[in-house]
Protein backbone atom coordinates (compact mmCIF):
# COMPACT_ATOMS: atom_id res chain seq x y z
CA MET A 1 -21.97 -86.85 195.53
CA SER A 2 -24.91 -89.11 196.32
CA GLY A 3 -27.46 -88.58 199.06
CA ILE A 4 -28.55 -85.29 200.60
CA GLU A 5 -26.19 -84.72 203.52
CA ALA A 6 -23.72 -81.85 202.98
CA LYS A 7 -25.13 -80.93 199.59
CA VAL A 8 -25.60 -77.21 198.98
CA VAL A 9 -29.15 -76.63 197.81
CA VAL A 10 -30.51 -73.28 196.61
CA VAL A 11 -34.31 -72.95 196.82
CA THR A 12 -36.22 -70.10 195.19
CA GLY A 13 -39.68 -69.20 196.39
CA ALA A 14 -38.54 -70.41 199.81
CA SER A 15 -40.65 -68.04 201.91
CA SER A 16 -43.76 -70.25 201.90
CA GLY A 17 -45.45 -73.37 200.57
CA ILE A 18 -43.43 -75.96 198.69
CA GLY A 19 -40.21 -73.93 198.87
CA GLU A 20 -40.39 -73.56 202.63
CA ALA A 21 -41.30 -77.23 203.17
CA THR A 22 -38.46 -78.32 200.89
CA ALA A 23 -35.91 -76.18 202.70
CA ARG A 24 -36.99 -77.54 206.08
CA LEU A 25 -36.92 -81.18 205.00
CA LEU A 26 -33.58 -80.98 203.19
CA ALA A 27 -31.98 -79.17 206.13
CA GLN A 28 -33.28 -81.88 208.47
CA ARG A 29 -31.57 -84.43 206.24
CA GLY A 30 -28.26 -82.62 206.40
CA ALA A 31 -28.28 -80.35 203.36
CA ARG A 32 -26.89 -76.85 203.56
CA VAL A 33 -29.76 -74.74 202.25
CA VAL A 34 -29.72 -71.27 200.73
CA LEU A 35 -33.12 -69.62 200.73
CA GLY A 36 -34.21 -67.11 198.13
CA ALA A 37 -37.43 -65.07 197.84
CA ARG A 38 -38.60 -61.47 197.89
CA ARG A 39 -39.99 -61.58 201.46
CA THR A 40 -36.78 -61.51 203.43
CA GLU A 41 -38.50 -61.25 206.82
CA ARG A 42 -39.97 -64.71 206.22
CA LEU A 43 -36.64 -66.04 205.00
CA GLN A 44 -34.89 -64.77 208.11
CA LYS A 45 -37.45 -66.46 210.37
CA LEU A 46 -37.17 -69.72 208.44
CA ALA A 47 -33.36 -69.67 208.48
CA GLU A 48 -33.34 -69.02 212.22
CA GLU A 49 -35.74 -71.91 212.83
CA ILE A 50 -33.64 -74.27 210.73
CA GLN A 51 -30.48 -73.24 212.55
CA ALA A 52 -32.17 -73.62 215.94
CA GLN A 53 -32.88 -77.23 215.01
CA GLY A 54 -29.23 -77.86 214.16
CA GLY A 55 -29.43 -77.25 210.43
CA GLN A 56 -27.42 -74.95 208.19
CA ALA A 57 -29.26 -72.19 206.33
CA ARG A 58 -28.51 -68.86 204.71
CA TYR A 59 -30.87 -66.52 202.93
CA SER A 60 -30.87 -63.67 200.45
CA ALA A 61 -33.49 -61.56 198.71
CA VAL A 62 -34.14 -62.54 195.11
CA ASP A 63 -36.58 -61.57 192.38
CA VAL A 64 -36.32 -64.41 189.88
CA THR A 65 -37.53 -62.18 187.05
CA ARG A 66 -34.18 -60.37 187.32
CA LEU A 67 -31.20 -62.37 186.03
CA GLU A 68 -28.80 -60.31 188.13
CA ASP A 69 -30.71 -61.21 191.29
CA VAL A 70 -30.51 -64.92 190.57
CA GLN A 71 -26.84 -64.69 189.65
CA ASP A 72 -26.20 -62.89 192.94
CA LEU A 73 -28.08 -65.62 194.84
CA ILE A 74 -25.99 -68.38 193.29
CA ALA A 75 -22.78 -66.41 193.92
CA PHE A 76 -23.86 -65.90 197.53
CA ALA A 77 -24.44 -69.64 197.96
CA GLN A 78 -21.00 -70.41 196.52
CA GLU A 79 -19.43 -67.78 198.76
CA GLN A 80 -21.11 -69.21 201.86
CA PHE A 81 -20.57 -72.91 201.20
CA GLY A 82 -17.98 -73.23 198.43
CA ARG A 83 -20.19 -74.87 195.80
CA VAL A 84 -23.78 -75.32 194.60
CA ASP A 85 -25.01 -78.87 194.13
CA VAL A 86 -28.73 -78.37 193.55
CA ILE A 87 -30.94 -75.51 192.41
CA VAL A 88 -34.65 -75.90 193.09
CA ASN A 89 -36.41 -73.52 190.70
CA ASN A 90 -39.63 -73.31 192.67
CA ALA A 91 -40.79 -69.68 192.50
CA GLY A 92 -44.12 -69.37 190.68
CA VAL A 93 -47.36 -67.41 190.39
CA MET A 94 -50.83 -68.45 189.24
CA PRO A 95 -53.24 -65.53 188.63
CA LEU A 96 -55.84 -67.49 186.66
CA SER A 97 -58.47 -65.87 184.43
CA ALA A 98 -60.30 -66.53 181.19
CA LEU A 99 -58.41 -65.26 178.14
CA GLU A 100 -61.28 -62.93 177.25
CA ALA A 101 -60.67 -61.05 180.50
CA LEU A 102 -57.48 -59.78 178.83
CA LYS A 103 -55.47 -59.59 182.05
CA ILE A 104 -52.32 -59.02 180.03
CA ASP A 105 -50.24 -57.77 182.96
CA GLU A 106 -50.98 -61.03 184.75
CA TRP A 107 -50.07 -63.05 181.66
CA ASN A 108 -46.74 -61.26 181.52
CA ARG A 109 -46.16 -61.81 185.22
CA MET A 110 -46.64 -65.56 184.82
CA ILE A 111 -44.29 -65.63 181.84
CA ASP A 112 -41.69 -63.62 183.74
CA VAL A 113 -41.78 -65.67 186.95
CA ASN A 114 -42.69 -69.15 185.75
CA ILE A 115 -40.59 -69.28 182.57
CA ARG A 116 -37.91 -66.61 182.80
CA GLY A 117 -37.41 -67.43 186.47
CA VAL A 118 -36.48 -71.00 185.58
CA LEU A 119 -34.27 -69.89 182.69
CA HIS A 120 -32.52 -67.43 184.98
CA GLY A 121 -31.86 -70.24 187.45
CA VAL A 122 -30.34 -72.30 184.66
CA ALA A 123 -28.29 -69.39 183.33
CA ALA A 124 -26.95 -68.58 186.78
CA GLY A 125 -26.21 -72.13 187.85
CA LEU A 126 -25.16 -74.02 184.75
CA PRO A 127 -21.67 -72.49 184.28
CA LEU A 128 -20.82 -73.18 187.91
CA MET A 129 -22.13 -76.75 187.76
CA LYS A 130 -20.20 -77.39 184.55
CA ALA A 131 -17.03 -76.10 186.21
CA GLN A 132 -17.67 -78.36 189.22
CA GLY A 133 -18.25 -81.36 186.98
CA GLY A 134 -21.81 -81.93 188.11
CA GLY A 135 -24.99 -80.54 189.58
CA HIS A 136 -28.73 -80.94 189.67
CA PHE A 137 -31.65 -78.72 188.62
CA VAL A 138 -35.06 -79.45 190.13
CA ASN A 139 -37.68 -77.46 188.23
CA LEU A 140 -41.26 -77.14 189.43
CA SER A 141 -43.91 -77.65 186.78
CA SER A 142 -47.50 -78.70 187.57
CA ILE A 143 -50.30 -80.99 186.52
CA GLY A 144 -51.06 -77.86 184.50
CA GLY A 145 -47.99 -78.79 182.48
CA HIS A 146 -49.75 -81.97 181.32
CA ALA A 147 -53.28 -80.75 180.59
CA VAL A 148 -55.02 -77.42 179.97
CA TYR A 149 -57.93 -76.22 182.09
CA PRO A 150 -60.40 -73.32 181.62
CA THR A 151 -59.01 -70.01 183.02
CA ALA A 152 -55.54 -71.59 183.16
CA ALA A 153 -54.38 -71.35 179.52
CA VAL A 154 -51.43 -69.03 180.15
CA TYR A 155 -50.48 -70.68 183.44
CA CYS A 156 -50.53 -74.10 181.79
CA ALA A 157 -48.48 -72.75 178.89
CA THR A 158 -45.79 -71.63 181.32
CA LYS A 159 -45.72 -75.03 182.97
CA TYR A 160 -45.54 -76.84 179.62
CA ALA A 161 -42.58 -74.57 178.93
CA VAL A 162 -40.87 -75.76 182.12
CA LEU A 163 -41.17 -79.33 180.84
CA ALA A 164 -39.68 -78.38 177.47
CA ILE A 165 -36.80 -76.38 178.97
CA SER A 166 -36.00 -79.15 181.43
CA GLU A 167 -36.03 -81.89 178.81
CA GLY A 168 -33.81 -79.85 176.52
CA LEU A 169 -31.37 -79.22 179.34
CA ARG A 170 -31.35 -82.91 180.24
CA GLN A 171 -30.58 -83.96 176.68
CA GLU A 172 -27.79 -81.40 176.32
CA SER A 173 -26.05 -82.11 179.64
CA GLN A 174 -24.56 -85.52 180.29
CA ASP A 175 -23.03 -84.39 183.58
CA ILE A 176 -26.02 -82.43 184.94
CA ARG A 177 -29.11 -84.07 186.44
CA VAL A 178 -32.48 -82.50 185.65
CA THR A 179 -35.72 -83.30 187.47
CA VAL A 180 -39.21 -81.95 186.88
CA ILE A 181 -41.65 -82.09 189.79
CA SER A 182 -45.30 -81.69 188.76
CA PRO A 183 -47.54 -81.14 191.79
CA GLY A 184 -51.26 -81.58 191.76
CA VAL A 185 -53.40 -79.57 194.15
CA THR A 186 -51.12 -78.64 197.02
CA THR A 187 -51.58 -76.46 200.07
CA SER A 188 -49.79 -73.18 199.31
CA GLU A 189 -50.27 -69.46 198.76
CA LEU A 190 -50.21 -69.91 194.97
CA ALA A 191 -53.92 -69.23 194.53
CA ASP A 192 -53.69 -65.98 196.49
CA SER A 193 -52.54 -64.23 193.30
CA ILE A 194 -55.87 -64.87 191.53
CA THR A 195 -57.72 -61.56 191.07
CA ASP A 196 -60.49 -62.77 188.75
CA PRO A 197 -63.58 -63.52 190.92
CA ALA A 198 -64.87 -66.42 188.79
CA ALA A 199 -61.46 -68.06 188.58
CA ARG A 200 -60.95 -67.57 192.32
CA GLN A 201 -64.26 -69.24 193.11
CA GLY A 202 -63.45 -72.15 190.84
CA MET A 203 -60.02 -72.58 192.40
CA ASP A 204 -61.47 -72.50 195.93
CA GLU A 205 -63.64 -75.47 194.97
CA PHE A 206 -60.77 -77.20 193.17
CA ARG A 207 -58.49 -76.86 196.19
CA LYS A 208 -60.85 -78.56 198.63
CA THR A 209 -58.86 -81.71 197.92
CA ALA A 210 -55.22 -80.84 198.52
CA ILE A 211 -52.07 -82.48 199.79
CA PRO A 212 -49.60 -80.73 202.10
CA ALA A 213 -46.51 -79.04 200.73
CA GLU A 214 -44.42 -81.59 202.60
CA ALA A 215 -45.58 -84.26 200.13
CA ILE A 216 -43.88 -82.37 197.31
CA ALA A 217 -40.80 -81.77 199.45
CA ARG A 218 -40.44 -85.53 199.93
CA ALA A 219 -40.57 -86.06 196.17
CA ILE A 220 -37.85 -83.46 195.70
CA ALA A 221 -35.73 -85.11 198.38
CA PHE A 222 -36.17 -88.50 196.68
CA ALA A 223 -34.83 -87.13 193.40
CA ILE A 224 -31.88 -85.42 195.06
CA GLU A 225 -30.79 -88.41 197.15
CA GLN A 226 -30.34 -90.76 194.18
CA PRO A 227 -26.80 -91.69 193.10
CA ASP A 228 -25.15 -89.28 190.68
CA GLU A 229 -25.62 -91.65 187.74
CA VAL A 230 -29.38 -91.81 188.35
CA ASP A 231 -31.53 -88.99 186.98
CA VAL A 232 -35.14 -88.96 188.16
CA SER A 233 -36.52 -87.12 185.16
CA GLU A 234 -40.06 -86.40 186.35
CA ILE A 235 -42.39 -87.03 189.27
CA ILE A 236 -46.10 -86.21 189.30
CA VAL A 237 -47.54 -85.96 192.82
CA ARG A 238 -51.28 -85.47 193.27
CA PRO A 239 -54.00 -86.11 195.86
CA THR A 240 -55.30 -89.67 195.77
CA ALA A 241 -58.87 -88.38 195.57
CA SER A 242 -58.18 -85.89 192.79
CA ALA A 243 -59.53 -86.48 189.28
CA TYR A 244 -56.94 -84.06 187.86
């Protein structure tokens, strides 16, 4: 099924930033969107706004670190709309710090959300897509998946992992499309998770040049709307003025 209209698209991390912008844009273009995140009050507001504008949206609470949650979200989407065409694995965290700070809990959180969250999306969606005879995973990496920066070693490692997982899935699945979106500095709440003062200060400076989340949403829409035989494998989207 080419194009966007009538496709059922599940978006994790949909309560803000890139996830929210993606859900809004895809719904405007006729997709039936299923919103997942932990903050259900935000999801409810977003779903109501999409519906008020003539779109179709459902929502459900999900913690992507829990496989059962993600499986329930995919089952909910299938129950509501009969199928799942696209899963946008967008949920992510970025609590940056130098390795010597030994913020091990934050390392584990990034591994759980940024890597396991994507794997859980694949595990929950792949059997259904195989049974349908097709589907599309859109996995969010980062420019941090292409280069390593001070204070970002673990974060970058998780985003390199997204690239590796996505490429492996692409090679193994002739009937499943796989796209990696690698944003540069983008307006979002991602940096709010940084607790290390030095890393927070550096990120505040880094983020003075940022593009809106809608720019990433348009890249996601471009990948989704291609014909079924066309797989947009990766898109890097960054501010024109950014050196990184």
